[in-house]
Protein backbone atom coordinates (compact mmCIF):
# COMPACT_ATOMS: atom_id res chain seq x y z
CA UNK A 1 74.66 -75.39 -5.20
CA UNK A 2 76.73 -76.76 -2.30
CA UNK A 3 74.42 -75.17 0.28
CA UNK A 4 71.37 -76.76 -1.34
CA UNK A 5 73.09 -80.13 -1.50
CA UNK A 6 74.12 -79.88 2.15
CA UNK A 7 70.57 -79.01 3.23
CA UNK A 8 69.02 -81.82 1.20
CA UNK A 9 71.47 -84.38 2.59
CA UNK A 10 71.35 -83.28 6.23
CA UNK A 11 67.69 -82.26 6.33
CA UNK A 12 66.25 -85.08 4.25
CA UNK A 13 68.53 -87.98 3.33
CA UNK A 14 70.17 -88.69 6.70
CA UNK A 15 66.85 -88.85 8.63
CA UNK A 16 65.57 -91.30 6.02
CA UNK A 17 68.67 -93.45 6.43
CA UNK A 18 68.83 -93.53 10.23
CA UNK A 19 65.22 -93.43 11.36
CA UNK A 20 63.77 -96.97 11.44
CA UNK A 21 61.01 -97.41 8.90
CA UNK A 22 58.54 -98.36 11.60
CA UNK A 23 59.40 -95.06 13.30
CA UNK A 24 57.66 -93.09 10.55
CA UNK A 25 54.41 -94.78 11.47
CA UNK A 26 54.82 -93.57 15.06
CA UNK A 27 55.26 -89.89 14.28
CA UNK A 28 54.09 -88.46 17.60
CA UNK A 29 54.75 -85.08 19.18
CA UNK A 30 58.30 -85.66 20.49
CA UNK A 31 59.44 -87.21 17.18
CA UNK A 32 57.89 -84.32 15.23
CA UNK A 33 59.72 -81.77 17.39
CA UNK A 34 62.99 -83.64 16.83
CA UNK A 35 62.40 -83.37 13.10
CA UNK A 36 61.86 -79.63 13.52
CA UNK A 37 65.13 -79.30 15.47
CA UNK A 38 66.94 -81.33 12.82
CA UNK A 39 65.62 -79.29 9.87
CA UNK A 40 66.26 -75.99 11.66
CA UNK A 41 69.84 -77.01 12.44
CA UNK A 42 70.37 -78.23 8.87
CA UNK A 43 69.20 -74.86 7.54
CA UNK A 44 71.57 -72.97 9.85
CA UNK A 45 74.42 -75.26 8.79
CA UNK A 46 73.74 -74.54 5.13
CA UNK A 47 73.50 -70.76 5.44
CA UNK A 48 77.24 -69.99 5.86
CA UNK A 49 77.97 -72.14 2.79
CA UNK A 50 75.41 -70.20 0.74
CA UNK A 51 76.59 -66.83 2.07
CA UNK A 52 80.28 -67.74 1.73
CA UNK A 53 80.90 -66.94 5.41
CA UNK A 54 83.77 -68.31 7.47
CA UNK A 55 81.89 -68.75 10.75
CA UNK A 56 83.71 -71.60 12.40
CA UNK A 57 82.08 -71.13 15.82
CA UNK A 58 78.61 -71.23 14.30
CA UNK A 59 79.55 -74.26 12.25
CA UNK A 60 80.46 -76.50 15.18
CA UNK A 61 77.57 -75.20 17.30
CA UNK A 62 74.95 -76.11 14.71
CA UNK A 63 76.71 -79.38 13.91
CA UNK A 64 76.45 -80.36 17.57
CA UNK A 65 72.78 -79.36 17.65
CA UNK A 66 72.07 -81.26 14.44
CA UNK A 67 73.68 -84.54 15.50
CA UNK A 68 73.28 -84.70 19.29
CA UNK A 69 69.97 -82.86 19.67
CA UNK A 70 68.33 -83.57 16.32
CA UNK A 71 69.38 -86.77 14.58
CA UNK A 72 70.21 -88.85 17.67
CA UNK A 73 67.01 -87.98 19.62
CA UNK A 74 65.01 -88.68 16.47
CA UNK A 75 66.22 -92.30 16.51
CA UNK A 76 66.01 -92.65 20.29
CA UNK A 77 62.45 -91.30 20.44
CA UNK A 78 61.26 -93.41 17.53
CA UNK A 79 62.46 -96.54 19.36
CA UNK A 80 61.78 -95.16 22.85
CA UNK A 81 65.20 -96.48 23.84
CA UNK A 82 68.11 -94.60 25.43
CA UNK A 83 71.75 -95.36 26.33
CA UNK A 84 70.99 -95.57 30.07
CA UNK A 85 67.97 -97.77 30.92
CA UNK A 86 65.15 -95.47 31.98
CA UNK A 87 61.53 -94.60 31.17
CA UNK A 88 60.18 -91.09 30.65
CA UNK A 89 56.71 -89.60 30.37
CA UNK A 90 55.56 -87.80 27.23
CA UNK A 91 55.49 -84.59 29.25
CA UNK A 92 59.19 -84.96 30.06
CA UNK A 93 60.01 -85.75 26.43
CA UNK A 94 58.19 -82.69 25.10
CA UNK A 95 59.66 -80.39 27.79
CA UNK A 96 63.18 -81.47 26.87
CA UNK A 97 62.47 -80.86 23.19
CA UNK A 98 61.05 -77.41 23.89
CA UNK A 99 64.15 -76.73 25.99
CA UNK A 100 66.26 -77.59 22.95
CA UNK A 101 64.32 -75.24 20.68
CA UNK A 102 64.40 -72.44 23.26
CA UNK A 103 68.19 -72.67 23.47
CA UNK A 104 68.65 -72.74 19.69
CA UNK A 105 66.39 -69.75 19.13
CA UNK A 106 68.08 -67.80 21.94
CA UNK A 107 71.51 -68.58 20.49
CA UNK A 108 70.35 -67.43 17.04
CA UNK A 109 68.98 -64.21 18.53
CA UNK A 110 72.21 -63.64 20.46
CA UNK A 111 74.30 -63.94 17.29
CA UNK A 112 72.10 -61.35 15.59
CA UNK A 113 72.45 -58.96 18.53
CA UNK A 114 76.20 -59.53 18.62
CA UNK A 115 76.70 -58.49 15.00
CA UNK A 116 79.17 -55.57 15.00
CA UNK A 117 78.45 -52.29 13.30
CA UNK A 118 79.95 -52.00 9.81
CA UNK A 119 80.49 -48.27 10.23
CA UNK A 120 83.16 -48.44 12.91
CA UNK A 121 86.77 -49.36 12.00
CA UNK A 122 88.79 -51.58 14.33
CA UNK A 123 90.65 -49.90 17.17
CA UNK A 124 94.42 -49.98 17.24
CA UNK A 125 94.32 -52.07 20.40
CA UNK A 126 92.05 -54.78 19.05
CA UNK A 127 94.34 -55.95 16.27
CA UNK A 128 98.10 -56.05 16.61
CA UNK A 129 101.12 -57.20 14.69
CA UNK A 130 103.20 -57.55 17.84
CA UNK A 131 104.48 -61.01 16.96
CA UNK A 132 105.61 -59.87 13.53
CA UNK A 133 107.52 -56.85 14.85
CA UNK A 134 111.28 -56.89 15.49
CA UNK A 135 111.86 -58.98 18.57
CA UNK A 136 108.68 -61.02 18.08
CA UNK A 137 110.61 -64.15 17.13
CA UNK A 138 112.89 -63.72 20.14
CA UNK A 139 109.89 -63.51 22.47
CA UNK A 140 108.44 -66.60 20.81
CA UNK A 141 111.70 -68.48 21.42
CA UNK A 142 111.83 -67.44 25.07
CA UNK A 143 108.24 -68.45 25.85
CA UNK A 144 108.56 -71.68 23.86
CA UNK A 145 111.75 -72.58 25.71
CA UNK A 146 110.01 -72.07 29.06
CA UNK A 147 107.06 -74.20 27.92
CA UNK A 148 109.35 -77.03 26.79
CA UNK A 149 111.31 -76.97 30.05
CA UNK A 150 108.15 -77.00 32.20
CA UNK A 151 106.62 -79.82 30.19
CA UNK A 152 109.84 -81.85 30.36
CA UNK A 153 110.20 -81.34 34.12
CA UNK A 154 106.63 -82.46 34.77
CA UNK A 155 107.10 -85.45 32.50
CA UNK A 156 110.20 -86.53 34.43
CA UNK A 157 108.38 -86.07 37.74
CA UNK A 158 105.42 -88.16 36.59
CA UNK A 159 107.60 -91.15 35.71
CA UNK A 160 108.91 -91.61 32.21
CA UNK A 161 107.93 -91.08 28.62
CA UNK A 162 106.46 -94.58 28.51
CA UNK A 163 103.61 -93.35 30.72
CA UNK A 164 102.44 -91.22 27.79
CA UNK A 165 101.46 -94.34 25.90
CA UNK A 166 99.51 -96.13 28.63
CA UNK A 167 95.69 -96.13 28.72
CA UNK A 168 94.61 -93.08 30.71
CA UNK A 169 92.50 -95.15 33.12
CA UNK A 170 95.59 -97.24 33.89
CA UNK A 171 97.78 -94.29 34.78
CA UNK A 172 98.61 -93.85 38.45
CA UNK A 173 98.95 -90.23 39.44
CA UNK A 174 101.98 -89.18 41.48
CA UNK A 175 99.99 -86.28 42.89
CA UNK A 176 97.91 -86.42 46.04
CA UNK A 177 94.78 -84.65 44.85
CA UNK A 178 92.74 -84.44 41.67
CA UNK A 179 93.34 -80.69 41.51
CA UNK A 180 97.12 -81.14 41.59
CA UNK A 181 96.92 -83.76 38.87
CA UNK A 182 94.75 -81.48 36.72
CA UNK A 183 97.14 -78.54 37.10
CA UNK A 184 100.19 -80.66 36.26
CA UNK A 185 98.45 -82.20 33.26
CA UNK A 186 97.48 -78.80 31.87
CA UNK A 187 100.94 -77.31 32.46
CA UNK A 188 102.44 -80.24 30.56
CA UNK A 189 100.24 -79.85 27.47
CA UNK A 190 98.61 -76.45 27.13
CA UNK A 191 101.64 -74.06 26.99
CA UNK A 192 103.20 -76.27 24.31
CA UNK A 193 100.02 -76.16 22.28
CA UNK A 194 99.61 -72.37 22.58
CA UNK A 195 103.23 -71.83 21.52
CA UNK A 196 102.73 -74.22 18.60
CA UNK A 197 99.70 -72.28 17.32
CA UNK A 198 101.63 -69.00 17.56
CA UNK A 199 104.70 -70.48 15.89
CA UNK A 200 102.79 -72.01 12.99
CA UNK A 201 100.83 -68.79 12.45
CA UNK A 202 104.00 -66.67 12.49
CA UNK A 203 105.69 -69.08 10.10
CA UNK A 204 102.71 -68.95 7.76
CA UNK A 205 102.82 -65.15 7.84
CA UNK A 206 106.59 -65.22 7.10
CA UNK A 207 107.47 -63.49 10.36
CA UNK A 208 110.48 -65.74 10.95
CA UNK A 209 113.73 -64.43 9.46
CA UNK A 210 116.01 -67.23 10.69
CA UNK A 211 116.06 -71.00 10.93
CA UNK A 212 115.97 -71.30 14.74
CA UNK A 213 112.29 -70.25 15.23
CA UNK A 214 111.26 -72.67 12.48
CA UNK A 215 113.16 -75.53 14.10
CA UNK A 216 111.59 -74.62 17.45
CA UNK A 217 108.14 -74.74 15.86
CA UNK A 218 108.83 -78.19 14.43
CA UNK A 219 110.04 -79.35 17.84
CA UNK A 220 106.86 -77.98 19.43
CA UNK A 221 104.79 -79.88 16.88
CA UNK A 222 106.53 -83.17 17.67
CA UNK A 223 106.31 -82.65 21.44
CA UNK A 224 102.67 -81.57 21.26
CA UNK A 225 101.69 -84.67 19.29
CA UNK A 226 103.54 -86.85 21.83
CA UNK A 227 102.06 -85.39 25.02
CA UNK A 228 98.59 -85.01 23.45
CA UNK A 229 98.48 -88.45 21.84
CA UNK A 230 95.09 -90.26 21.66
CA UNK A 231 96.17 -93.16 23.90
CA UNK A 232 96.82 -91.41 27.21
CA UNK A 233 94.59 -88.39 26.59
CA UNK A 234 90.86 -87.91 26.52
CA UNK A 235 89.49 -87.77 23.00
CA UNK A 236 88.13 -84.26 23.52
CA UNK A 237 91.70 -82.92 23.98
CA UNK A 238 93.34 -84.88 21.17
CA UNK A 239 90.43 -84.01 18.88
CA UNK A 240 90.61 -80.33 19.82
CA UNK A 241 94.34 -80.26 19.07
CA UNK A 242 94.01 -81.89 15.66
CA UNK A 243 90.91 -79.98 14.57
CA UNK A 244 92.41 -76.67 15.68
CA UNK A 245 95.49 -77.28 13.55
CA UNK A 246 93.28 -78.19 10.59
CA UNK A 247 91.08 -75.12 11.07
CA UNK A 248 94.15 -72.92 11.09
CA UNK A 249 95.71 -74.17 7.88
CA UNK A 250 93.15 -75.80 5.61
CA UNK A 251 92.03 -73.23 2.98
CA UNK A 252 88.44 -72.03 3.36
CA UNK A 253 86.58 -71.82 0.09
CA UNK A 254 82.95 -72.34 -0.74
CA UNK A 255 83.43 -76.03 -1.53
CA UNK A 256 85.78 -76.21 1.46
CA UNK A 257 82.95 -75.18 3.78
CA UNK A 258 80.84 -77.98 2.39
CA UNK A 259 83.73 -80.40 2.87
CA UNK A 260 84.30 -79.24 6.46
CA UNK A 261 80.66 -79.73 7.36
CA UNK A 262 80.52 -83.14 5.72
CA UNK A 263 83.74 -84.13 7.47
CA UNK A 264 82.40 -83.10 10.87
CA UNK A 265 79.20 -85.06 10.26
CA UNK A 266 81.30 -88.13 9.45
CA UNK A 267 83.35 -87.52 12.60
CA UNK A 268 80.35 -87.15 14.93
CA UNK A 269 78.25 -89.95 13.46
CA UNK A 270 80.76 -92.63 12.48
CA UNK A 271 84.16 -91.99 14.08
CA UNK A 272 83.26 -90.46 17.47
CA UNK A 273 81.97 -93.64 19.18
CA UNK A 274 85.19 -95.51 18.32
CA UNK A 275 87.66 -92.87 19.53
CA UNK A 276 87.82 -94.17 23.11
CA UNK A 277 89.33 -97.56 22.21
CA UNK A 278 92.37 -97.06 24.42
CA UNK A 279 90.60 -95.76 27.52
CA UNK A 280 91.15 -98.99 29.50
CA UNK A 281 93.63 -101.08 27.50
CA UNK A 282 95.73 -101.11 24.33
CA UNK A 283 93.98 -104.01 22.62
CA UNK A 284 91.86 -101.70 20.48
CA UNK A 285 89.24 -104.38 19.87
CA UNK A 286 86.70 -102.73 17.55
CA UNK A 287 83.18 -104.09 17.83
CA UNK A 288 81.18 -102.63 15.00
CA UNK A 289 77.44 -102.08 15.07
CA UNK A 290 74.79 -100.28 13.07
CA UNK A 291 74.83 -96.52 13.55
CA UNK A 292 71.21 -96.47 14.69
CA UNK A 293 72.03 -99.15 17.28
CA UNK A 294 74.99 -97.11 18.51
CA UNK A 295 72.74 -94.08 18.97
CA UNK A 296 70.54 -95.93 21.43
CA UNK A 297 73.19 -98.10 23.11
CA UNK A 298 76.35 -96.04 23.69
CA UNK A 299 76.67 -93.45 26.43
CA UNK A 300 78.54 -91.24 23.96
CA UNK A 301 75.13 -90.16 22.70
CA UNK A 302 73.43 -89.57 26.04
CA UNK A 303 73.14 -85.77 25.67
CA UNK A 304 69.40 -85.78 25.05
CA UNK A 305 68.78 -88.32 27.79
CA UNK A 306 70.64 -86.14 30.29
CA UNK A 307 68.31 -83.30 29.33
CA UNK A 308 65.41 -85.61 30.13
CA UNK A 309 67.01 -86.33 33.51
CA UNK A 310 67.38 -82.59 34.09
CA UNK A 311 63.65 -82.11 33.46
CA UNK A 312 62.81 -84.84 35.98
CA UNK A 313 65.30 -83.42 38.50
CA UNK A 314 63.75 -79.94 38.34
CA UNK A 315 60.26 -81.46 38.52
CA UNK A 316 61.17 -83.19 41.80
CA UNK A 317 63.58 -80.69 43.39
CA UNK A 318 63.07 -77.35 41.68
CA UNK A 319 65.83 -75.28 40.14
CA UNK A 320 69.08 -74.60 41.98
CA UNK A 321 68.75 -70.81 41.45
CA UNK A 322 72.23 -70.58 39.97
CA UNK A 323 74.02 -72.72 42.57
CA UNK A 324 75.28 -75.22 39.99
CA UNK A 325 76.46 -72.42 37.72
CA UNK A 326 78.33 -70.81 40.60
CA UNK A 327 80.03 -74.12 41.39
CA UNK A 328 81.10 -74.46 37.76
CA UNK A 329 82.51 -70.93 37.58
CA UNK A 330 84.39 -71.45 40.87
CA UNK A 331 85.69 -74.90 39.92
CA UNK A 332 89.17 -73.85 41.05
CA UNK A 333 88.12 -73.45 44.70
CA UNK A 334 89.19 -76.59 46.66
CA UNK A 335 86.46 -78.52 48.45
CA UNK A 336 88.57 -78.30 51.59
CA UNK A 337 87.80 -74.56 51.61
CA UNK A 338 84.22 -74.87 50.33
CA UNK A 339 82.65 -77.92 51.89
CA UNK A 340 79.24 -77.19 50.34
CA UNK A 341 80.68 -76.87 46.84
CA UNK A 342 78.16 -78.36 44.36
CA UNK A 343 78.89 -81.60 42.53
CA UNK A 344 79.33 -81.40 38.78
CA UNK A 345 75.94 -81.38 37.08
CA UNK A 346 76.56 -84.67 35.30
CA UNK A 347 77.28 -86.40 38.60
CA UNK A 348 74.30 -84.67 40.24
CA UNK A 349 71.90 -85.92 37.56
CA UNK A 350 73.45 -89.39 37.56
CA UNK A 351 73.04 -89.78 41.32
CA UNK A 352 69.51 -88.37 41.32
CA UNK A 353 68.58 -90.85 38.57
CA UNK A 354 70.06 -93.78 40.49
CA UNK A 355 72.79 -94.62 37.98
CA UNK A 356 75.78 -96.64 39.17
CA UNK A 357 78.01 -94.72 36.72
CA UNK A 358 78.05 -90.97 37.33
CA UNK A 359 80.87 -89.66 35.12
CA UNK A 360 78.23 -88.38 32.73
CA UNK A 361 77.74 -85.54 30.31
CA UNK A 362 75.35 -82.68 31.00
CA UNK A 363 74.60 -80.52 27.93
CA UNK A 364 74.62 -76.77 28.29
CA UNK A 365 70.86 -76.79 27.80
CA UNK A 366 70.45 -78.95 30.90
CA UNK A 367 72.84 -76.68 32.82
CA UNK A 368 70.67 -73.67 32.06
CA UNK A 369 67.48 -75.54 32.94
CA UNK A 370 68.81 -76.85 36.27
CA UNK A 371 69.91 -73.36 37.29
CA UNK A 372 66.88 -71.35 36.16
CA UNK A 373 64.34 -73.32 34.13
CA UNK A 374 63.42 -72.03 30.67
CA UNK A 375 64.45 -68.50 31.67
CA UNK A 376 67.92 -69.83 32.51
CA UNK A 377 68.18 -71.59 29.14
CA UNK A 378 67.18 -68.47 27.20
CA UNK A 379 69.51 -66.15 29.12
CA UNK A 380 72.45 -68.56 28.94
CA UNK A 381 72.19 -69.18 25.20
CA UNK A 382 71.40 -65.57 24.37
CA UNK A 383 74.66 -64.59 26.06
CA UNK A 384 76.48 -67.54 24.49
CA UNK A 385 75.35 -66.52 21.01
CA UNK A 386 76.25 -62.87 21.59
CA UNK A 387 79.78 -63.67 22.78
CA UNK A 388 80.29 -66.22 19.99
CA UNK A 389 79.35 -63.70 17.32
CA UNK A 390 81.66 -61.05 18.77
CA UNK A 391 84.58 -63.48 18.97
CA UNK A 392 83.87 -64.69 15.46
CA UNK A 393 83.76 -61.15 14.09
CA UNK A 394 87.11 -60.31 15.72
CA UNK A 395 88.60 -63.48 14.24
CA UNK A 396 87.29 -62.67 10.74
CA UNK A 397 88.54 -59.11 11.09
CA UNK A 398 92.04 -60.18 12.05
CA UNK A 399 92.20 -62.59 9.12
CA UNK A 400 90.94 -59.94 6.72
CA UNK A 401 93.61 -57.49 7.88
CA UNK A 402 96.29 -60.20 8.10
CA UNK A 403 96.86 -59.10 11.68
CA UNK A 404 98.08 -61.36 14.47
CA UNK A 405 95.84 -61.20 17.52
CA UNK A 406 94.70 -63.37 20.39
CA UNK A 407 91.56 -64.18 18.38
CA UNK A 408 93.70 -66.01 15.83
CA UNK A 409 94.76 -68.33 18.66
CA UNK A 410 91.58 -68.67 20.69
CA UNK A 411 88.73 -68.87 18.18
CA UNK A 412 89.94 -71.91 16.18
CA UNK A 413 90.52 -73.76 19.45
CA UNK A 414 87.09 -72.81 20.80
CA UNK A 415 85.47 -73.91 17.55
CA UNK A 416 86.82 -77.41 18.04
CA UNK A 417 86.57 -77.46 21.83
CA UNK A 418 83.01 -76.17 22.10
CA UNK A 419 81.69 -79.62 21.21
CA UNK A 420 82.93 -80.74 24.62
CA UNK A 421 81.67 -77.50 26.19
CA UNK A 422 78.18 -78.00 24.74
CA UNK A 423 78.08 -81.67 25.65
CA UNK A 424 79.27 -80.95 29.20
CA UNK A 425 79.33 -81.06 31.95
CA UNK A 426 80.15 -77.40 32.44
CA UNK A 427 82.38 -77.72 35.51
CA UNK A 428 84.83 -80.08 33.82
CA UNK A 429 84.66 -78.25 30.50
CA UNK A 430 85.51 -74.90 32.09
CA UNK A 431 88.35 -76.41 34.10
CA UNK A 432 90.12 -77.55 30.94
CA UNK A 433 89.17 -74.58 28.74
CA UNK A 434 90.25 -71.91 31.22
CA UNK A 435 93.87 -73.07 31.22
CA UNK A 436 94.12 -72.66 27.46
CA UNK A 437 92.52 -69.20 27.57
CA UNK A 438 94.82 -68.16 30.42
CA UNK A 439 98.03 -69.19 28.67
CA UNK A 440 96.90 -67.68 25.35
CA UNK A 441 96.18 -64.39 27.11
CA UNK A 442 99.45 -64.39 29.04
CA UNK A 443 101.48 -65.16 25.92
CA UNK A 444 99.94 -62.41 23.80
CA UNK A 445 99.85 -59.93 26.69
CA UNK A 446 103.53 -60.42 27.55
CA UNK A 447 104.68 -60.34 23.94
CA UNK A 448 102.48 -57.38 23.11
CA UNK A 449 103.65 -55.29 26.05
CA UNK A 450 107.31 -55.92 25.17
CA UNK A 451 106.76 -55.01 21.51
CA UNK A 452 104.89 -51.84 22.44
CA UNK A 453 107.64 -50.83 24.84
CA UNK A 454 110.15 -51.07 21.99
CA UNK A 455 108.09 -48.63 19.90
CA UNK A 456 107.00 -46.37 22.75
CA UNK A 457 108.14 -43.23 20.95
CA UNK A 458 105.83 -43.73 17.96
CA UNK A 459 102.89 -41.26 17.93
CA UNK A 460 99.58 -42.90 18.76
CA UNK A 461 97.82 -41.33 15.80
CA UNK A 462 100.29 -43.05 13.42
CA UNK A 463 99.44 -46.45 14.92
CA UNK A 464 95.71 -45.77 14.68
CA UNK A 465 95.98 -44.52 11.11
CA UNK A 466 97.97 -47.60 10.11
CA UNK A 467 95.28 -49.94 11.38
CA UNK A 468 92.55 -47.83 9.77
CA UNK A 469 94.46 -47.76 6.49
CA UNK A 470 94.75 -51.56 6.41
CA UNK A 471 91.07 -51.82 7.30
CA UNK A 472 90.06 -49.46 4.48
CA UNK A 473 92.27 -51.14 1.89
CA UNK A 474 90.92 -54.58 2.78
CA UNK A 475 87.31 -53.38 2.47
CA UNK A 476 88.00 -51.80 -0.91
CA UNK A 477 89.74 -54.97 -2.10
CA UNK A 478 86.87 -57.14 -0.91
CA UNK A 479 84.42 -55.15 -3.01
C-alpha cells in the first residue's frame, strides 16, 4: 500500500504539480527522457518500501537521482531555462540525459553484482562486539577525552567561541593556507562526531554500566551541536550530522520507510534552497518563490546544467583520461609539490564555460564523463553500486546480529553525506569525507585491538562459533 502510494505521488503527482502546463505541449526528446529518469527513480525508491528493506544508501541515492536529475531537469528543460545563463543544443541536452540513464543503470547493475551470497555466514573478523566488552567504556572515555581536548585547543587557537556563530564567509582564518584551515576544521568537528555516534550506539545497546560514559556522551552531543551549528558550517555538514543521528535512532518500519522518503523529498524540494541563509550574514531574510521558479533560478539546482557543461567541455577538449579523477583522489597533495595538480572539476567547468563564479557543483556523472566519456560513467557507477551494496549488506548484517562494527558508524553517515558526494564536486567531497572515514577506522581499530588483546587466550574456534551461532539464531528468528 505505502509503496504504491509513494510511486503514484513521486512518479505521477509531483510532475503534474511542478511541470508548467505549457510544458506538456512541448514534450520533446529531452523532456521525455527526463520523465523516464523520473519514473525509473520513483520505481527504485518504492521498491525497498514494498520489499520491507532497510537500504539507506540506496534510498538517498535514488532520492538524489529523482530530484536533481529527474524532477528538476524536467522543469528546466520544459522552460529551457537554467540557473546559470547559457544556451545548449538539443544534442548536448540528449547526451546529458543519456549520461544520466547510463549511470543509473550501471549503479543498479553494480548493486545486483554486489549482493552477498546467502550461504556464507559472517566471519568473526567482520562483526565484533569490541565496544561492548569489558574495557570498551574505558576506551570510549579515553578517545572521547582526547577528541574534546583537541577540539577545545583548536577552538581557543582560532579565536573564541563567538566565532562559531559568525557567518562562515565572514570568518577570517588564522591559518596561512587552505589546507591548514581544512585540517584544523576537520580535527575540531569530526572526532567529536565519531565519538558521539559510538557513544550513542553503545548507550542504546546498554553497554554502559556507569554514569560517567553517559555524561560524556551527553557532553559530546552538546559540543557536536555547537561546533557543527548551521550558522558557521556548510549545510552539507550540519545536514549530514543531523540526518545521521536520525538514521541511527528513528525506528525503521514499513510506514517509517515511507515517512523517511517523503521527509527527504520535502527536504530536497522545499527546505534545501533556504538552508544557506547565514552564509554571508545573520539577517536570515527569507525571500520566498515558487518551487518551479527556484528550480530554474537558484544555483542549488545546477547539477543537470553542470552535466551539460561537461558534455560541451568534452566536445571541445576531449576527455582528461582520468587526470581529474587522479587529482581528486590525491587531493591531499599540496600544490607546492604538484604544480600541475588539476583544478576541481566544478571550477574547471565553470572557467571553461566563462562563468564569473566558479565555486560550482559537478555531479558524479559529470566526473565520470570528463574522465572517460560514457565508458567512464558506466565503470564509475558500476563500482559505486557494487561498493554501496556491500557496505549496506554489512550494515544490515551487523544490525541483525546486534553487533557493533565500523559499518554501524560509517554507513548511516555515508547515507546522509552521499548527497553532497553525488552533487560534487568530487575533490571537495572526498576531502571532507576522508577525514570522517579515517577517524572512524582509527577509533574502531584501536578499540578493537585493545579488546582482542585482553581476550588473547580465548580459542579462535570459540569466537568463530559464537558469531556463527548468533547468525544462525537471527536467521531462524527472522523466518
